[in-house]
C-alpha atoms as a PDB file:
ATOM      1  CA  MET A   1      31.375  -4.785-106.113  1.00  0.00           C
ATOM      2  CA  ASN A   2      28.188  -4.478-104.099  1.00  0.00           C
ATOM      3  CA  PRO A   3      28.295  -7.023-101.241  1.00  0.00           C
ATOM      4  CA  SER A   4      24.630  -6.430-100.410  1.00  0.00           C
ATOM      5  CA  ARG A   5      23.439  -8.078-103.612  1.00  0.00           C
ATOM      6  CA  GLY A   6      23.402 -11.509-101.947  1.00  0.00           C
ATOM      7  CA  ASP A   7      25.778 -13.165-104.437  1.00  0.00           C
ATOM      8  CA  ALA A   8      27.970 -15.802-102.800  1.00  0.00           C
ATOM      9  CA  HIS A   9      30.840 -15.356-105.243  1.00  0.00           C
ATOM     10  CA  ALA A  10      30.807 -11.598-104.835  1.00  0.00           C
ATOM     11  CA  GLY A  11      30.787 -12.030-101.078  1.00  0.00           C
ATOM     12  CA  ALA A  12      33.815 -14.305-101.236  1.00  0.00           C
ATOM     13  CA  GLU A  13      35.628 -11.816-103.460  1.00  0.00           C
ATOM     14  CA  PHE A  14      34.894  -8.949-101.105  1.00  0.00           C
ATOM     15  CA  MET A  15      35.892 -10.837 -97.964  1.00  0.00           C
ATOM     16  CA  LEU A  16      39.116 -12.144 -99.477  1.00  0.00           C
ATOM     17  CA  HIS A  17      40.123  -8.686-100.557  1.00  0.00           C
ATOM     18  CA  MET A  18      39.490  -7.292 -97.079  1.00  0.00           C
ATOM     19  CA  CYS A  19      40.931 -10.023 -94.883  1.00  0.00           C
ATOM     20  CA  SER A  20      43.779 -11.498 -96.929  1.00  0.00           C
ATOM     21  CA  ALA A  21      45.953  -8.403 -97.040  1.00  0.00           C
ATOM     22  CA  ALA A  22      45.554  -7.886 -93.312  1.00  0.00           C
ATOM     23  CA  ALA A  23      46.445 -11.496 -92.610  1.00  0.00           C
ATOM     24  CA  LEU A  24      49.514 -11.528 -94.872  1.00  0.00           C
ATOM     25  CA  GLY A  25      51.071  -8.375 -93.466  1.00  0.00           C
ATOM     26  CA  PRO A  26      53.651  -6.036 -95.048  1.00  0.00           C
ATOM     27  CA  GLY A  27      54.711  -6.835 -98.603  1.00  0.00           C
ATOM     28  CA  SER A  28      51.429  -8.542 -99.405  1.00  0.00           C
ATOM     29  CA  LYS A  29      49.290  -7.798-102.423  1.00  0.00           C
ATOM     30  CA  LEU A  30      46.114  -9.081-104.005  1.00  0.00           C
ATOM     31  CA  LEU A  31      46.146 -10.255-107.604  1.00  0.00           C
ATOM     32  CA  PRO A  32      43.324 -11.447-109.853  1.00  0.00           C
ATOM     33  CA  SER A  33      43.532 -15.159-110.515  1.00  0.00           C
ATOM     34  CA  SER A  34      43.171 -16.761-113.924  1.00  0.00           C
ATOM     35  CA  LYS A  35      39.436 -17.116-113.269  1.00  0.00           C
ATOM     36  CA  LYS A  36      37.677 -13.866-113.989  1.00  0.00           C
ATOM     37  CA  GLY A  37      36.226 -12.109-110.988  1.00  0.00           C
ATOM     38  CA  SER A  38      37.995 -14.106-108.271  1.00  0.00           C
ATOM     39  CA  LEU A  39      40.839 -12.915-106.119  1.00  0.00           C
ATOM     40  CA  CYS A  40      43.561 -14.660-104.208  1.00  0.00           C
ATOM     41  CA  ALA A  41      46.509 -13.481-102.170  1.00  0.00           C
ATOM     42  CA  THR A  42      50.213 -13.506-102.960  1.00  0.00           C
ATOM     43  CA  SER A  43      53.051 -12.290-100.793  1.00  0.00           C
ATOM     44  CA  SER A  44      56.597 -11.155-101.341  1.00  0.00           C
ATOM     45  CA  MET A  45      57.454 -13.372 -98.400  1.00  0.00           C
ATOM     46  CA  THR A  46      55.734 -16.605 -99.452  1.00  0.00           C
ATOM     47  CA  LYS A  47      53.744 -18.119-102.335  1.00  0.00           C
ATOM     48  CA  SER A  48      53.285 -21.554-100.803  1.00  0.00           C
ATOM     49  CA  SER A  49      50.401 -23.923-101.490  1.00  0.00           C
ATOM     50  CA  SER A  50      49.294 -23.490 -97.878  1.00  0.00           C
ATOM     51  CA  LEU A  51      48.526 -19.859 -98.647  1.00  0.00           C
ATOM     52  CA  LYS A  52      46.391 -20.890-101.599  1.00  0.00           C
ATOM     53  CA  GLU A  53      44.530 -23.357 -99.389  1.00  0.00           C
ATOM     54  CA  TRP A  54      44.007 -20.656 -96.781  1.00  0.00           C
ATOM     55  CA  CYS A  55      42.633 -18.366 -99.463  1.00  0.00           C
ATOM     56  CA  MET A  56      40.162 -20.910-100.829  1.00  0.00           C
ATOM     57  CA  LYS A  57      38.839 -21.897 -97.410  1.00  0.00           C
ATOM     58  CA  ARG A  58      38.036 -18.303 -96.636  1.00  0.00           C
ATOM     59  CA  ALA A  59      36.379 -17.874-100.014  1.00  0.00           C
ATOM     60  CA  VAL A  60      33.966 -20.692 -99.220  1.00  0.00           C
ATOM     61  CA  LEU A  61      33.301 -19.361 -95.726  1.00  0.00           C
ATOM     62  CA  ALA A  62      32.751 -15.835 -96.988  1.00  0.00           C
ATOM     63  CA  GLY A  63      30.278 -17.046 -99.591  1.00  0.00           C
ATOM     64  CA  LEU A  64      28.239 -18.848 -96.943  1.00  0.00           C
ATOM     65  CA  VAL A  65      28.260 -15.805 -94.674  1.00  0.00           C
ATOM     66  CA  PHE A  66      27.044 -13.546 -97.462  1.00  0.00           C
ATOM     67  CA  LEU A  67      24.285 -15.951 -98.468  1.00  0.00           C
ATOM     68  CA  ALA A  68      23.036 -16.102 -94.877  1.00  0.00           C
ATOM     69  CA  SER A  69      23.181 -12.351 -94.400  1.00  0.00           C
ATOM     70  CA  SER A  70      21.378 -11.699 -97.681  1.00  0.00           C
ATOM     71  CA  ALA A  71      18.476 -13.909 -96.563  1.00  0.00           C
ATOM     72  CA  VAL A  72      18.128 -11.875 -93.368  1.00  0.00           C
ATOM     73  CA  ALA A  73      18.557  -8.580 -95.189  1.00  0.00           C
ATOM     74  CA  GLY A  74      15.747  -9.482 -97.571  1.00  0.00           C
ATOM     75  CA  ALA A  75      13.123  -9.242 -94.840  1.00  0.00           C
ATOM     76  CA  GLN A  76      11.759  -5.869 -93.772  1.00  0.00           C
ATOM     77  CA  THR A  77      12.051  -5.213 -90.042  1.00  0.00           C
ATOM     78  CA  VAL A  78       8.914  -3.574 -88.690  1.00  0.00           C
ATOM     79  CA  VAL A  79       9.331  -1.951 -85.279  1.00  0.00           C
ATOM     80  CA  VAL A  80       6.142  -2.350 -83.231  1.00  0.00           C
ATOM     81  CA  THR A  81       6.158   0.140 -80.362  1.00  0.00           C
ATOM     82  CA  GLY A  82       4.353   0.083 -77.041  1.00  0.00           C
ATOM     83  CA  SER A  83       4.010   2.339 -74.028  1.00  0.00           C
ATOM     84  CA  GLY A  84       5.848   0.096 -71.577  1.00  0.00           C
ATOM     85  CA  THR A  85       2.619  -0.965 -69.848  1.00  0.00           C
ATOM     86  CA  MET A  86       0.647  -4.216 -69.975  1.00  0.00           C
ATOM     87  CA  PHE A  87      -2.977  -4.899 -70.854  1.00  0.00           C
ATOM     88  CA  THR A  88      -4.806  -7.118 -68.359  1.00  0.00           C
ATOM     89  CA  GLU A  89      -8.320  -8.317 -67.556  1.00  0.00           C
ATOM     90  CA  PRO A  90      -9.279  -9.676 -64.104  1.00  0.00           C
ATOM     91  CA  ALA A  91     -12.632 -11.137 -65.187  1.00  0.00           C
ATOM     92  CA  GLY A  92     -13.058 -14.651 -66.511  1.00  0.00           C
ATOM     93  CA  ILE A  93     -14.158 -13.671 -70.025  1.00  0.00           C
ATOM     94  CA  ASN A  94     -11.911 -13.023 -73.027  1.00  0.00           C
ATOM     95  CA  VAL A  95     -11.350  -9.294 -73.558  1.00  0.00           C
ATOM     96  CA  ASN A  96      -9.601  -7.477 -76.429  1.00  0.00           C
ATOM     97  CA  ASP A  97      -7.781  -4.168 -76.120  1.00  0.00           C
ATOM     98  CA  ALA A  98     -10.335  -1.763 -77.603  1.00  0.00           C
ATOM     99  CA  SER A  99      -7.658   0.794 -78.507  1.00  0.00           C
ATOM    100  CA  CYS A 100      -6.278  -1.380 -81.303  1.00  0.00           C
ATOM    101  CA  ALA A 101      -8.655  -4.301 -81.869  1.00  0.00           C
ATOM    102  CA  ALA A 102     -10.193  -2.800 -85.019  1.00  0.00           C
ATOM    103  CA  ASN A 103      -6.938  -1.689 -86.636  1.00  0.00           C
ATOM    104  CA  GLY A 104      -4.440  -3.452 -88.846  1.00  0.00           C
ATOM    105  CA  GLU A 105      -1.840  -3.748 -86.122  1.00  0.00           C
ATOM    106  CA  TRP A 106      -0.636  -6.000 -83.332  1.00  0.00           C
ATOM    107  CA  CYS A 107      -3.072  -5.995 -80.429  1.00  0.00           C
ATOM    108  CA  ALA A 108      -3.798  -7.716 -77.101  1.00  0.00           C
ATOM    109  CA  ARG A 109      -6.651 -10.204 -77.444  1.00  0.00           C
ATOM    110  CA  ASN A 110      -8.257 -13.054 -75.517  1.00  0.00           C
ATOM    111  CA  VAL A 111      -6.995 -11.738 -72.173  1.00  0.00           C
ATOM    112  CA  ARG A 112      -8.707 -13.086 -69.048  1.00  0.00           C
ATOM    113  CA  ASN A 113      -8.389 -14.097 -65.386  1.00  0.00           C
ATOM    114  CA  GLY A 114      -5.450 -11.826 -64.600  1.00  0.00           C
ATOM    115  CA  GLY A 115      -3.397 -12.657 -67.681  1.00  0.00           C
ATOM    116  CA  ALA A 116      -1.366  -9.718 -68.966  1.00  0.00           C
ATOM    117  CA  VAL A 117       0.554  -8.799 -72.118  1.00  0.00           C
ATOM    118  CA  GLY A 118       2.319  -5.685 -73.357  1.00  0.00           C
ATOM    119  CA  ILE A 119       5.466  -4.257 -74.909  1.00  0.00           C
ATOM    120  CA  THR A 120       7.778  -3.417 -72.002  1.00  0.00           C
ATOM    121  CA  ASN A 121      11.476  -3.204 -71.148  1.00  0.00           C
ATOM    122  CA  THR A 122      11.314  -6.011 -68.570  1.00  0.00           C
ATOM    123  CA  TYR A 123      12.968  -8.290 -71.126  1.00  0.00           C
ATOM    124  CA  THR A 124      15.075  -7.074 -74.052  1.00  0.00           C
ATOM    125  CA  ARG A 125      16.078  -8.900 -77.212  1.00  0.00           C
ATOM    126  CA  SER A 126      16.831  -6.736 -80.259  1.00  0.00           C
ATOM    127  CA  GLY A 127      16.583  -3.279 -78.749  1.00  0.00           C
ATOM    128  CA  ASN A 128      15.089  -1.669 -75.671  1.00  0.00           C
ATOM    129  CA  GLY A 129      12.149  -4.022 -75.152  1.00  0.00           C
ATOM    130  CA  ALA A 130      10.127  -7.103 -76.014  1.00  0.00           C
ATOM    131  CA  LEU A 131       6.561  -8.410 -75.765  1.00  0.00           C
ATOM    132  CA  GLU A 132       6.084  -9.409 -72.118  1.00  0.00           C
ATOM    133  CA  PHE A 133       3.601 -12.060 -70.907  1.00  0.00           C
ATOM    134  CA  SER A 134       2.538 -12.739 -67.333  1.00  0.00           C
ATOM    135  CA  LEU A 135       0.088 -15.244 -65.854  1.00  0.00           C
ATOM    136  CA  PRO A 136      -0.993 -15.698 -62.226  1.00  0.00           C
ATOM    137  CA  ALA A 137      -1.327 -19.131 -60.651  1.00  0.00           C
ATOM    138  CA  SER A 138      -4.864 -19.677 -61.977  1.00  0.00           C
ATOM    139  CA  GLY A 139      -5.033 -22.297 -64.709  1.00  0.00           C
ATOM    140  CA  ASN A 140      -7.811 -20.337 -66.447  1.00  0.00           C
ATOM    141  CA  SER A 141      -5.646 -17.300 -67.204  1.00  0.00           C
ATOM    142  CA  LYS A 142      -4.789 -16.414 -70.786  1.00  0.00           C
ATOM    143  CA  ALA A 143      -3.215 -13.633 -72.887  1.00  0.00           C
ATOM    144  CA  ASP A 144      -2.603 -13.371 -76.651  1.00  0.00           C
ATOM    145  CA  PHE A 145      -1.080 -10.758 -78.954  1.00  0.00           C
ATOM    146  CA  ASP A 146      -2.396 -10.937 -82.529  1.00  0.00           C
ATOM    147  CA  TYR A 147      -2.101  -9.421 -85.976  1.00  0.00           C
ATOM    148  CA  LEU A 148      -5.095  -9.963 -88.297  1.00  0.00           C
ATOM    149  CA  PHE A 149      -4.734  -9.257 -92.019  1.00  0.00           C
ATOM    150  CA  THR A 150      -8.478  -8.811 -92.407  1.00  0.00           C
ATOM    151  CA  ASN A 151      -8.689  -5.633 -90.326  1.00  0.00           C
ATOM    152  CA  ALA A 152      -9.518  -2.447 -92.206  1.00  0.00           C
ATOM    153  CA  ASN A 153      -6.083  -0.825 -91.981  1.00  0.00           C
ATOM    154  CA  SER A 154      -3.948  -3.930 -92.475  1.00  0.00           C
ATOM    155  CA  SER A 155      -1.170  -3.669 -95.050  1.00  0.00           C
ATOM    156  CA  PHE A 156      -1.612  -7.360 -95.902  1.00  0.00           C
ATOM    157  CA  VAL A 157      -4.179  -9.488 -97.608  1.00  0.00           C
ATOM    158  CA  PRO A 158      -4.569 -13.172 -96.687  1.00  0.00           C
ATOM    159  CA  PHE A 159      -2.188 -15.409 -98.623  1.00  0.00           C
ATOM    160  CA  ALA A 160      -2.181 -19.105 -99.467  1.00  0.00           C
ATOM    161  CA  LEU A 161      -0.842 -21.425 -96.790  1.00  0.00           C
ATOM    162  CA  SER A 162       1.049 -23.235 -99.546  1.00  0.00           C
ATOM    163  CA  SER A 163       3.041 -20.045-100.302  1.00  0.00           C
ATOM    164  CA  LEU A 164       4.368 -19.684 -96.750  1.00  0.00           C
ATOM    165  CA  THR A 165       8.001 -20.795 -96.911  1.00  0.00           C
ATOM    166  CA  SER A 166       8.974 -20.066 -93.306  1.00  0.00           C
ATOM    167  CA  PHE A 167       7.835 -18.448 -90.084  1.00  0.00           C
ATOM    168  CA  GLY A 168       9.257 -18.194 -86.607  1.00  0.00           C
ATOM    169  CA  TYR A 169       9.921 -16.148 -83.478  1.00  0.00           C
ATOM    170  CA  ASP A 170      12.150 -15.697 -80.445  1.00  0.00           C
ATOM    171  CA  TRP A 171      10.788 -16.618 -77.009  1.00  0.00           C
ATOM    172  CA  PHE A 172      11.923 -16.355 -73.393  1.00  0.00           C
ATOM    173  CA  ARG A 173      10.836 -18.324 -70.320  1.00  0.00           C
ATOM    174  CA  ASP A 174      11.743 -16.659 -67.024  1.00  0.00           C
ATOM    175  CA  ALA A 175      13.155 -18.852 -64.254  1.00  0.00           C
ATOM    176  CA  SER A 176      10.449 -17.478 -61.939  1.00  0.00           C
ATOM    177  CA  SER A 177       7.816 -19.465 -63.895  1.00  0.00           C
ATOM    178  CA  ASN A 178       6.248 -22.319 -61.918  1.00  0.00           C
ATOM    179  CA  ASN A 179       3.995 -23.808 -64.595  1.00  0.00           C
ATOM    180  CA  SER A 180       4.853 -27.017 -66.445  1.00  0.00           C
ATOM    181  CA  ASN A 181       8.482 -26.824 -67.520  1.00  0.00           C
ATOM    182  CA  VAL A 182       7.682 -27.700 -71.141  1.00  0.00           C
ATOM    183  CA  GLN A 183       5.432 -24.652 -71.639  1.00  0.00           C
ATOM    184  CA  HIS A 184       6.559 -21.427 -73.293  1.00  0.00           C
ATOM    185  CA  PRO A 185       4.797 -18.805 -75.474  1.00  0.00           C
ATOM    186  CA  ALA A 186       3.099 -20.439 -78.454  1.00  0.00           C
ATOM    187  CA  LEU A 187       3.215 -19.227 -82.070  1.00  0.00           C
ATOM    188  CA  ARG A 188       0.016 -19.574 -84.128  1.00  0.00           C
ATOM    189  CA  LEU A 189      -1.116 -19.110 -87.702  1.00  0.00           C
ATOM    190  CA  TYR A 190      -4.720 -18.033 -88.200  1.00  0.00           C
ATOM    191  CA  ILE A 191      -6.023 -20.257 -91.002  1.00  0.00           C
ATOM    192  CA  ASP A 192      -9.204 -20.381 -93.036  1.00  0.00           C
ATOM    193  CA  TYR A 193      -9.599 -23.639 -94.951  1.00  0.00           C
ATOM    194  CA  ASP A 194     -11.849 -22.429 -97.793  1.00  0.00           C
ATOM    195  CA  GLY A 195      -9.941 -19.282 -98.746  1.00  0.00           C
ATOM    196  CA  ALA A 196     -12.626 -16.946 -97.425  1.00  0.00           C
ATOM    197  CA  PRO A 197     -11.642 -15.469 -94.034  1.00  0.00           C
ATOM    198  CA  GLY A 198     -14.509 -15.306 -91.619  1.00  0.00           C
ATOM    199  CA  GLY A 199     -15.812 -18.767 -92.415  1.00  0.00           C
ATOM    200  CA  ALA A 200     -14.611 -22.095 -91.080  1.00  0.00           C
ATOM    201  CA  GLY A 201     -11.152 -21.638 -89.662  1.00  0.00           C
ATOM    202  CA  GLY A 202      -8.804 -22.128 -86.777  1.00  0.00           C
ATOM    203  CA  TYR A 203      -5.150 -22.282 -85.870  1.00  0.00           C
ATOM    204  CA  LEU A 204      -1.962 -24.094 -86.748  1.00  0.00           C
ATOM    205  CA  ILE A 205       0.116 -23.913 -83.573  1.00  0.00           C
ATOM    206  CA  TYR A 206       3.783 -24.385 -82.741  1.00  0.00           C
ATOM    207  CA  GLU A 207       4.689 -25.451 -79.199  1.00  0.00           C
ATOM    208  CA  GLY A 208       7.907 -27.041 -78.018  1.00  0.00           C
ATOM    209  CA  ALA A 209       5.985 -29.643 -76.016  1.00  0.00           C
ATOM    210  CA  TYR A 210       5.226 -31.357 -79.345  1.00  0.00           C
ATOM    211  CA  ASN A 211       8.710 -30.815 -80.766  1.00  0.00           C
ATOM    212  CA  GLY A 212      11.082 -32.413 -78.298  1.00  0.00           C
ATOM    213  CA  TYR A 213      10.495 -30.816 -74.909  1.00  0.00           C
ATOM    214  CA  ASP A 214       9.433 -33.165 -72.107  1.00  0.00           C
ATOM    215  CA  SER A 215      10.057 -33.656 -68.388  1.00  0.00           C
ATOM    216  CA  GLY A 216      13.544 -34.915 -69.152  1.00  0.00           C
ATOM    217  CA  ASN A 217      14.250 -32.136 -71.648  1.00  0.00           C
ATOM    218  CA  PRO A 218      12.408 -29.044 -70.391  1.00  0.00           C
ATOM    219  CA  ALA A 219      12.099 -25.692 -72.124  1.00  0.00           C
ATOM    220  CA  PRO A 220      15.220 -23.610 -71.395  1.00  0.00           C
ATOM    221  CA  GLU A 221      14.862 -20.853 -68.809  1.00  0.00           C
ATOM    222  CA  GLY A 222      16.655 -17.547 -68.510  1.00  0.00           C
ATOM    223  CA  SER A 223      17.858 -17.332 -72.118  1.00  0.00           C
ATOM    224  CA  TRP A 224      16.290 -16.390 -75.431  1.00  0.00           C
ATOM    225  CA  GLN A 225      15.379 -19.224 -77.792  1.00  0.00           C
ATOM    226  CA  SER A 226      14.966 -18.779 -81.552  1.00  0.00           C
ATOM    227  CA  VAL A 227      12.553 -20.990 -83.522  1.00  0.00           C
ATOM    228  CA  ASP A 228      12.060 -21.157 -87.283  1.00  0.00           C
ATOM    229  CA  VAL A 229       9.398 -23.608 -88.394  1.00  0.00           C
ATOM    230  CA  SER A 230      10.516 -26.005 -91.132  1.00  0.00           C
ATOM    231  CA  GLY A 231       8.727 -28.670 -93.141  1.00  0.00           C
ATOM    232  CA  ASN A 232       9.166 -31.386 -90.528  1.00  0.00           C
ATOM    233  CA  THR A 233       8.179 -29.209 -87.548  1.00  0.00           C
ATOM    234  CA  THR A 234       5.085 -30.544 -85.798  1.00  0.00           C
ATOM    235  CA  LEU A 235       2.094 -28.191 -85.694  1.00  0.00           C
ATOM    236  CA  TRP A 236      -1.195 -28.958 -84.040  1.00  0.00           C
ATOM    237  CA  ALA A 237      -4.534 -27.637 -85.238  1.00  0.00           C
ATOM    238  CA  ASN A 238      -7.863 -26.879 -83.632  1.00  0.00           C
ATOM    239  CA  ARG A 239     -11.260 -25.301 -84.285  1.00  0.00           C
ATOM    240  CA  PHE A 240     -11.636 -26.021 -87.975  1.00  0.00           C
ATOM    241  CA  GLY A 241     -15.422 -25.833 -88.140  1.00  0.00           C
ATOM    242  CA  PHE A 242     -16.114 -28.052 -91.133  1.00  0.00           C
ATOM    243  CA  GLY A 243     -18.897 -30.550 -90.520  1.00  0.00           C
ATOM    244  CA  ASN A 244     -17.462 -33.250 -88.301  1.00  0.00           C
ATOM    245  CA  CYS A 245     -14.216 -31.263 -88.143  1.00  0.00           C
ATOM    246  CA  ALA A 246     -15.635 -28.754 -85.657  1.00  0.00           C
ATOM    247  CA  ASN A 247     -13.271 -28.301 -82.694  1.00  0.00           C
ATOM    248  CA  MET A 248     -10.819 -30.705 -84.289  1.00  0.00           C
ATOM    249  CA  VAL A 249      -7.494 -31.310 -82.592  1.00  0.00           C
ATOM    250  CA  ASP A 250      -5.005 -32.867 -84.982  1.00  0.00           C
ATOM    251  CA  MET A 251      -1.226 -32.961 -85.273  1.00  0.00           C
ATOM    252  CA  HIS A 252       1.010 -33.220 -88.365  1.00  0.00           C
ATOM    253  CA  SER A 253       4.158 -31.718 -89.848  1.00  0.00           C
ATOM    254  CA  PHE A 254       4.076 -28.269 -91.419  1.00  0.00           C
ATOM    255  CA  ALA A 255       4.791 -29.819 -94.834  1.00  0.00           C
ATOM    256  CA  ASP A 256       1.843 -32.188 -94.472  1.00  0.00           C
ATOM    257  CA  TRP A 257      -0.518 -29.379 -93.536  1.00  0.00           C
ATOM    258  CA  GLN A 258       0.631 -27.395 -96.576  1.00  0.00           C
ATOM    259  CA  SER A 259       0.128 -30.325 -98.931  1.00  0.00           C
ATOM    260  CA  GLY A 260      -3.556 -30.525 -98.075  1.00  0.00           C
ATOM    261  CA  ALA A 261      -3.244 -34.250 -97.452  1.00  0.00           C
ATOM    262  CA  TYR A 262      -4.320 -33.960 -93.840  1.00  0.00           C
ATOM    263  CA  GLY A 263      -7.189 -32.482 -91.939  1.00  0.00           C
ATOM    264  CA  CYS A 264      -9.985 -33.922 -89.856  1.00  0.00           C
ATOM    265  CA  GLY A 265      -9.839 -37.658 -90.227  1.00  0.00           C
ATOM    266  CA  GLY A 266      -7.888 -37.537 -93.491  1.00  0.00           C
ATOM    267  CA  VAL A 267     -10.388 -35.275 -95.287  1.00  0.00           C
ATOM    268  CA  ASP A 268      -8.500 -32.746 -97.412  1.00  0.00           C
ATOM    269  CA  ILE A 269      -9.597 -29.335 -96.157  1.00  0.00           C
ATOM    270  CA  MET A 270      -6.288 -27.492 -96.525  1.00  0.00           C
ATOM    271  CA  THR A 271      -5.609 -27.264-100.276  1.00  0.00           C
ATOM    272  CA  SER A 272      -7.307 -23.864-100.500  1.00  0.00           C
ATOM    273  CA  ALA A 273      -6.347 -22.716 -97.002  1.00  0.00           C
ATOM    274  CA  VAL A 274      -5.216 -19.123 -96.478  1.00  0.00           C
ATOM    275  CA  VAL A 275      -3.241 -17.477 -93.699  1.00  0.00           C
ATOM    276  CA  TYR A 276      -5.021 -14.407 -92.385  1.00  0.00           C
ATOM    277  CA  GLY A 277      -3.056 -13.589 -89.271  1.00  0.00           C
ATOM    278  CA  PHE A 278      -0.446 -14.403 -86.655  1.00  0.00           C
ATOM    279  CA  SER A 279      -0.717 -14.840 -82.915  1.00  0.00           C
ATOM    280  CA  VAL A 280       1.592 -15.400 -79.965  1.00  0.00           C
ATOM    281  CA  GLY A 281       0.209 -16.275 -76.579  1.00  0.00           C
ATOM    282  CA  VAL A 282       0.244 -18.066 -73.256  1.00  0.00           C
ATOM    283  CA  GLY A 283      -2.202 -19.719 -70.895  1.00  0.00           C
ATOM    284  CA  SER A 284      -5.406 -21.732 -70.750  1.00  0.00           C
ATOM    285  CA  GLY A 285      -4.473 -24.687 -68.588  1.00  0.00           C
ATOM    286  CA  TRP A 286      -1.137 -23.229 -67.453  1.00  0.00           C
ATOM    287  CA  PHE A 287      -1.128 -23.607 -63.674  1.00  0.00           C
ATOM    288  CA  ASP A 288       1.096 -21.987 -61.036  1.00  0.00           C
ATOM    289  CA  GLY A 289       2.152 -18.871 -62.927  1.00  0.00           C
ATOM    290  CA  PHE A 290       4.285 -17.890 -65.919  1.00  0.00           C
ATOM    291  CA  ASN A 291       6.563 -14.982 -66.844  1.00  0.00           C
ATOM    292  CA  GLY A 292       8.286 -14.580 -70.185  1.00  0.00           C
ATOM    293  CA  ALA A 293       8.452 -12.758 -73.482  1.00  0.00           C
ATOM    294  CA  VAL A 294       8.426 -12.892 -77.295  1.00  0.00           C
ATOM    295  CA  ASP A 295      10.256 -10.883 -79.941  1.00  0.00           C
ATOM    296  CA  ASN A 296      11.074 -10.911 -83.665  1.00  0.00           C
ATOM    297  CA  VAL A 297       7.965 -12.663 -84.981  1.00  0.00           C
ATOM    298  CA  ARG A 298       8.750 -13.327 -88.638  1.00  0.00           C
ATOM    299  CA  PHE A 299       7.480 -14.888 -91.835  1.00  0.00           C
ATOM    300  CA  GLN A 300       8.366 -15.209 -95.496  1.00  0.00           C
ATOM    301  CA  THR A 301       6.337 -16.231 -98.534  1.00  0.00           C
ATOM    302  CA  SER A 302       7.411 -17.617-101.899  1.00  0.00           C
ATOM    303  CA  ASN A 303       9.806 -15.410-103.899  1.00  0.00           C
ATOM    304  CA  MET A 304      10.007 -13.012-100.931  1.00  0.00           C
ATOM    305  CA  SER A 305       6.725 -11.411-102.026  1.00  0.00           C
ATOM    306  CA  GLU A 306       6.071 -10.891 -98.321  1.00  0.00           C
ATOM    307  CA  ALA A 307       8.881 -11.018 -95.757  1.00  0.00           C
ATOM    308  CA  LYS A 308       8.619  -9.291 -92.396  1.00  0.00           C
ATOM    309  CA  VAL A 309      10.276  -9.344 -88.975  1.00  0.00           C
ATOM    310  CA  TYR A 310       8.247  -7.727 -86.184  1.00  0.00           C
ATOM    311  CA  ASN A 311      10.525  -6.283 -83.508  1.00  0.00           C
ATOM    312  CA  PHE A 312       8.719  -5.172 -80.326  1.00  0.00           C
ATOM    313  CA  GLU A 313      10.183  -2.030 -78.715  1.00  0.00           C
ATOM    314  CA  VAL A 314       9.175   0.516 -76.071  1.00  0.00           C
ATOM    315  CA  ALA A 315       8.434   3.891 -77.649  1.00  0.00           C
ATOM    316  CA  THR A 316      11.056   6.520 -76.860  1.00  0.00           C
ATOM    317  CA  THR A 317      10.050  10.024 -75.829  1.00  0.00           C
ATOM    318  CA  VAL A 318      10.719  12.663 -78.487  1.00  0.00           C
ATOM    319  CA  PRO A 319      11.718  16.020 -76.919  1.00  0.00           C
ATOM    320  CA  GLU A 320       9.299  18.900 -77.435  1.00  0.00           C
ATOM    321  CA  PRO A 321      10.472  21.817 -79.639  1.00  0.00           C
ATOM    322  CA  SER A 322      10.970  23.922 -76.499  1.00  0.00           C
ATOM    323  CA  THR A 323      13.353  21.272 -75.171  1.00  0.00           C
ATOM    324  CA  TYR A 324      15.422  21.459 -78.346  1.00  0.00           C
ATOM    325  CA  ALA A 325      15.507  25.264 -78.016  1.00  0.00           C
ATOM    326  CA  LEU A 326      16.810  25.041 -74.456  1.00  0.00           C
ATOM    327  CA  MET A 327      19.446  22.522 -75.539  1.00  0.00           C
ATOM    328  CA  ALA A 328      20.575  24.824 -78.361  1.00  0.00           C
ATOM    329  CA  ALA A 329      20.771  27.804 -75.999  1.00  0.00           C
ATOM    330  CA  GLY A 330      22.810  25.780 -73.541  1.00  0.00           C
ATOM    331  CA  LEU A 331      25.261  24.661 -76.220  1.00  0.00           C
ATOM    332  CA  ALA A 332      25.620  28.235 -77.467  1.00  0.00           C
ATOM    333  CA  GLY A 333      26.427  29.370 -73.938  1.00  0.00           C
ATOM    334  CA  LEU A 334      29.070  26.680 -73.517  1.00  0.00           C
ATOM    335  CA  LEU A 335      30.701  27.674 -76.813  1.00  0.00           C
ATOM    336  CA  ALA A 336      30.785  31.339 -75.758  1.00  0.00           C
ATOM    337  CA  VAL A 337      32.443  30.465 -72.450  1.00  0.00           C
ATOM    338  CA  ASN A 338      34.988  28.296 -74.240  1.00  0.00           C
ATOM    339  CA  ARG A 339      35.879  31.103 -76.696  1.00  0.00           C
ATOM    340  CA  ARG A 340      36.277  33.584 -73.824  1.00  0.00           C
ATOM    341  CA  ARG A 341      38.638  31.251 -71.992  1.00  0.00           C
ATOM    342  CA  THR A 342      40.662  30.726 -75.171  1.00  0.00           C
ATOM    343  CA  ARG A 343      41.111  34.492 -75.671  1.00  0.00           C
ATOM    344  CA  GLN A 344      42.142  34.962 -72.049  1.00  0.00           C
ATOM    345  CA  ALA A 345      44.701  32.173 -72.347  1.00  0.00           C
ATOM    346  CA  LYS A 346      46.312  33.945 -75.302  1.00  0.00           C
END
């Protein structure tokens, strides 16, 4: 049986076979039941109905575990590496990191007024690093980290908003942050309403302030939070330049945006909308300073045609060939000394 195939029944079979014998102890054995392909436990010590109940409960649990793990395993994890430093801009104009802005990769964009962003090891989530954000006390500071599908070297092409089945991320708000306690890094979809990137477009944005966080229920601090947007999650939109819809600010559920039923005063501008990028960011009206991080930005489209998890990590130094040679020489020397000592002992 191949437990990686994502079949709930196969997962239950595998788990029962592994855990039942261990639980039953000496004299136990596993026998196929009358139903083909399923297993249950019997014991030379007991064949009570309680054992059968125990077996079936674990079969159900194992099936659920395997279904969940198969959904995670279906997405490709892409490790995005950084140098451990942050990109910043002291001036009051939006600046993009020129080293990556034209490539099909994650890149610092819209950084201004002392905002900073970069992949560092200040915070860690799923490895040795995460995407760190920092803002000074100025309310005009800002920093984003984006991936645009329309760049020349991107491995993606824009896809229909209606085909996006899920997206999400992990975020962290440091307790040293003094800005409003409902603010944390935002997750954005870059959207173009007419299916032609570069025309009238804007963002669909997730923020906890519009999904339950308020002064009485602030954003958690000091621990990682995981968010996966579902159909009833509230997303707000802005900058859909479509006649009177220019600089629109509107708020509806993700399912409503996908249906095309909403957009700028009820005018349907979303039926043909495409997603052409992702963005995470902080700032613009965030006063008194913020520190935090993001990791594991993820999305999935219909039938898993596209499914990615972006894990931000600090690049590790690969030893030069000369370093490997020195290591090999050192090991050879240690082995020679050990052999000499062995001969002397004899």
